[in-house]
C-alpha atoms as a PDB file:
ATOM      1  CA  MET A   1      25.490 -15.262  11.003  1.00  0.00           C
ATOM      2  CA  PRO A   2      22.767 -17.942  11.206  1.00  0.00           C
ATOM      3  CA  THR A   3      21.631 -19.087  14.612  1.00  0.00           C
ATOM      4  CA  THR A   4      22.854 -22.602  15.345  1.00  0.00           C
ATOM      5  CA  TRP A   5      21.710 -25.407  17.602  1.00  0.00           C
ATOM      6  CA  ASN A   6      24.431 -26.935  19.739  1.00  0.00           C
ATOM      7  CA  CYS A   7      24.327 -30.717  19.513  1.00  0.00           C
ATOM      8  CA  SER A   8      27.347 -31.701  21.558  1.00  0.00           C
ATOM      9  CA  ALA A   9      26.805 -35.395  22.395  1.00  0.00           C
ATOM     10  CA  ARG A  10      27.580 -36.750  18.934  1.00  0.00           C
ATOM     11  CA  SER A  11      28.569 -40.289  18.094  1.00  0.00           C
ATOM     12  CA  SER A  12      31.520 -40.828  15.756  1.00  0.00           C
ATOM     13  CA  ALA A  13      30.172 -44.114  14.383  1.00  0.00           C
ATOM     14  CA  PRO A  14      28.832 -43.842  10.815  1.00  0.00           C
ATOM     15  CA  ARG A  15      25.213 -44.819  10.260  1.00  0.00           C
ATOM     16  CA  THR A  16      23.333 -45.993   7.243  1.00  0.00           C
ATOM     17  CA  ALA A  17      20.303 -44.088   6.068  1.00  0.00           C
ATOM     18  CA  PRO A  18      16.883 -45.682   5.871  1.00  0.00           C
ATOM     19  CA  SER A  19      16.780 -47.713   2.679  1.00  0.00           C
ATOM     20  CA  SER A  20      13.392 -46.467   1.533  1.00  0.00           C
ATOM     21  CA  SER A  21      14.227 -42.758   1.610  1.00  0.00           C
ATOM     22  CA  ASN A  22      17.067 -40.264   1.643  1.00  0.00           C
ATOM     23  CA  SER A  23      15.834 -38.474   4.761  1.00  0.00           C
ATOM     24  CA  GLY A  24      18.341 -40.252   6.999  1.00  0.00           C
ATOM     25  CA  LEU A  25      21.249 -39.005   4.909  1.00  0.00           C
ATOM     26  CA  ALA A  26      21.036 -35.560   6.510  1.00  0.00           C
ATOM     27  CA  CYS A  27      21.114 -37.152   9.965  1.00  0.00           C
ATOM     28  CA  ALA A  28      24.124 -39.280   9.079  1.00  0.00           C
ATOM     29  CA  ARG A  29      26.013 -36.369   7.501  1.00  0.00           C
ATOM     30  CA  LEU A  30      25.343 -33.965  10.359  1.00  0.00           C
ATOM     31  CA  GLU A  31      25.752 -36.486  13.172  1.00  0.00           C
ATOM     32  CA  SER A  32      29.419 -35.725  13.815  1.00  0.00           C
ATOM     33  CA  GLY A  33      28.987 -31.937  13.811  1.00  0.00           C
ATOM     34  CA  ASP A  34      28.483 -29.764  16.856  1.00  0.00           C
ATOM     35  CA  HIS A  35      26.048 -27.216  15.418  1.00  0.00           C
ATOM     36  CA  LEU A  36      22.940 -27.261  13.253  1.00  0.00           C
ATOM     37  CA  ASP A  37      21.333 -24.204  11.717  1.00  0.00           C
ATOM     38  CA  ARG A  38      18.240 -23.319  13.709  1.00  0.00           C
ATOM     39  CA  TRP A  39      16.088 -23.175  10.565  1.00  0.00           C
ATOM     40  CA  LEU A  40      16.933 -26.832   9.872  1.00  0.00           C
ATOM     41  CA  VAL A  41      16.063 -27.930  13.397  1.00  0.00           C
ATOM     42  CA  GLU A  42      12.876 -25.881  13.543  1.00  0.00           C
ATOM     43  CA  GLY A  43      11.806 -27.077  10.097  1.00  0.00           C
ATOM     44  CA  TYR A  44      12.329 -30.736  10.879  1.00  0.00           C
ATOM     45  CA  TRP A  45      10.664 -30.377  14.262  1.00  0.00           C
ATOM     46  CA  TYR A  46       7.662 -28.739  12.606  1.00  0.00           C
ATOM     47  CA  LEU A  47       7.362 -31.467   9.987  1.00  0.00           C
ATOM     48  CA  SER A  48       7.591 -34.259  12.547  1.00  0.00           C
ATOM     49  CA  ASP A  49       4.552 -32.738  14.285  1.00  0.00           C
ATOM     50  CA  PHE A  50       2.636 -31.554  11.215  1.00  0.00           C
ATOM     51  CA  VAL A  51       2.797 -34.694   9.082  1.00  0.00           C
ATOM     52  CA  PRO A  52       1.261 -37.095  11.650  1.00  0.00           C
ATOM     53  CA  ALA A  53      -1.470 -34.568  12.495  1.00  0.00           C
ATOM     54  CA  HIS A  54      -2.232 -33.916   8.827  1.00  0.00           C
ATOM     55  CA  THR A  55      -2.249 -37.565   7.773  1.00  0.00           C
ATOM     56  CA  SER A  56      -4.492 -38.559  10.698  1.00  0.00           C
ATOM     57  CA  HIS A  57      -7.281 -36.268   9.481  1.00  0.00           C
ATOM     58  CA  PRO A  58     -10.363 -38.343   8.559  1.00  0.00           C
ATOM     59  CA  ASN A  59     -10.426 -36.914   5.008  1.00  0.00           C
ATOM     60  CA  PHE A  60      -6.763 -37.635   4.276  1.00  0.00           C
ATOM     61  CA  PRO A  61      -6.578 -40.182   1.413  1.00  0.00           C
ATOM     62  CA  ARG A  62      -4.964 -43.430   2.585  1.00  0.00           C
ATOM     63  CA  PRO A  63      -4.091 -45.728  -0.311  1.00  0.00           C
ATOM     64  CA  GLU A  64      -1.779 -47.721   2.001  1.00  0.00           C
ATOM     65  CA  SER A  65      -2.598 -49.807   5.067  1.00  0.00           C
ATOM     66  CA  ALA A  66      -2.856 -48.238   8.534  1.00  0.00           C
ATOM     67  CA  GLU A  67       0.356 -50.061   9.489  1.00  0.00           C
ATOM     68  CA  TYR A  68       2.228 -48.185   6.765  1.00  0.00           C
ATOM     69  CA  TYR A  69       1.224 -44.789   8.179  1.00  0.00           C
ATOM     70  CA  GLN A  70       2.085 -45.895  11.722  1.00  0.00           C
ATOM     71  CA  ALA A  71       5.510 -47.112  10.578  1.00  0.00           C
ATOM     72  CA  ALA A  72       6.116 -43.944   8.543  1.00  0.00           C
ATOM     73  CA  THR A  73       5.240 -41.764  11.540  1.00  0.00           C
ATOM     74  CA  GLN A  74       7.566 -43.772  13.770  1.00  0.00           C
ATOM     75  CA  ARG A  75      10.333 -43.407  11.154  1.00  0.00           C
ATOM     76  CA  LEU A  76       9.792 -39.657  11.064  1.00  0.00           C
ATOM     77  CA  TRP A  77      10.038 -39.449  14.871  1.00  0.00           C
ATOM     78  CA  ASP A  78      13.156 -41.650  14.912  1.00  0.00           C
ATOM     79  CA  LEU A  79      14.791 -39.413  12.315  1.00  0.00           C
ATOM     80  CA  GLN A  80      13.771 -36.333  14.284  1.00  0.00           C
ATOM     81  CA  ASN A  81      15.418 -37.767  17.386  1.00  0.00           C
ATOM     82  CA  TRP A  82      18.606 -38.645  15.483  1.00  0.00           C
ATOM     83  CA  PHE A  83      18.745 -35.300  13.695  1.00  0.00           C
ATOM     84  CA  VAL A  84      18.245 -33.154  16.802  1.00  0.00           C
ATOM     85  CA  THR A  85      20.284 -35.148  19.332  1.00  0.00           C
ATOM     86  CA  GLY A  86      22.961 -36.512  17.006  1.00  0.00           C
ATOM     87  CA  ARG A  87      22.508 -39.960  18.528  1.00  0.00           C
ATOM     88  CA  PHE A  88      21.258 -42.872  16.456  1.00  0.00           C
ATOM     89  CA  PRO A  89      18.189 -44.184  18.325  1.00  0.00           C
ATOM     90  CA  TYR A  90      19.029 -47.871  17.800  1.00  0.00           C
ATOM     91  CA  LEU A  91      21.903 -50.298  18.221  1.00  0.00           C
ATOM     92  CA  ASP A  92      24.729 -50.098  15.661  1.00  0.00           C
ATOM     93  CA  SER A  93      23.516 -53.293  13.979  1.00  0.00           C
ATOM     94  CA  TYR A  94      19.994 -51.926  13.359  1.00  0.00           C
ATOM     95  CA  GLN A  95      18.803 -52.015   9.750  1.00  0.00           C
ATOM     96  CA  TRP A  96      15.979 -49.695   8.747  1.00  0.00           C
ATOM     97  CA  PRO A  97      13.066 -51.774   7.425  1.00  0.00           C
ATOM     98  CA  ASP A  98      11.570 -50.870   4.079  1.00  0.00           C
ATOM     99  CA  LEU A  99       8.274 -49.049   4.324  1.00  0.00           C
END
């Protein structure tokens, strides 16, 4: 049996995923559940730390503006928060901006 992560304080209100990616779909689908497989939580936690560190390396190619990478990192952290806690980090009326 896979190890699960207990995420008990879940909201029942449906959320919309970020419009520029499908990454929020997992958060929205799993938001009402009480358990997440540990491998999912650990994997997402790892990525939310690895990606900002990797993309901040001086030799990382940056075809987009610095603001794009800052916004993308913030989006990743917001999704991490939502995924792990089960609570949408914004008001119900919040609309994810396009990146």
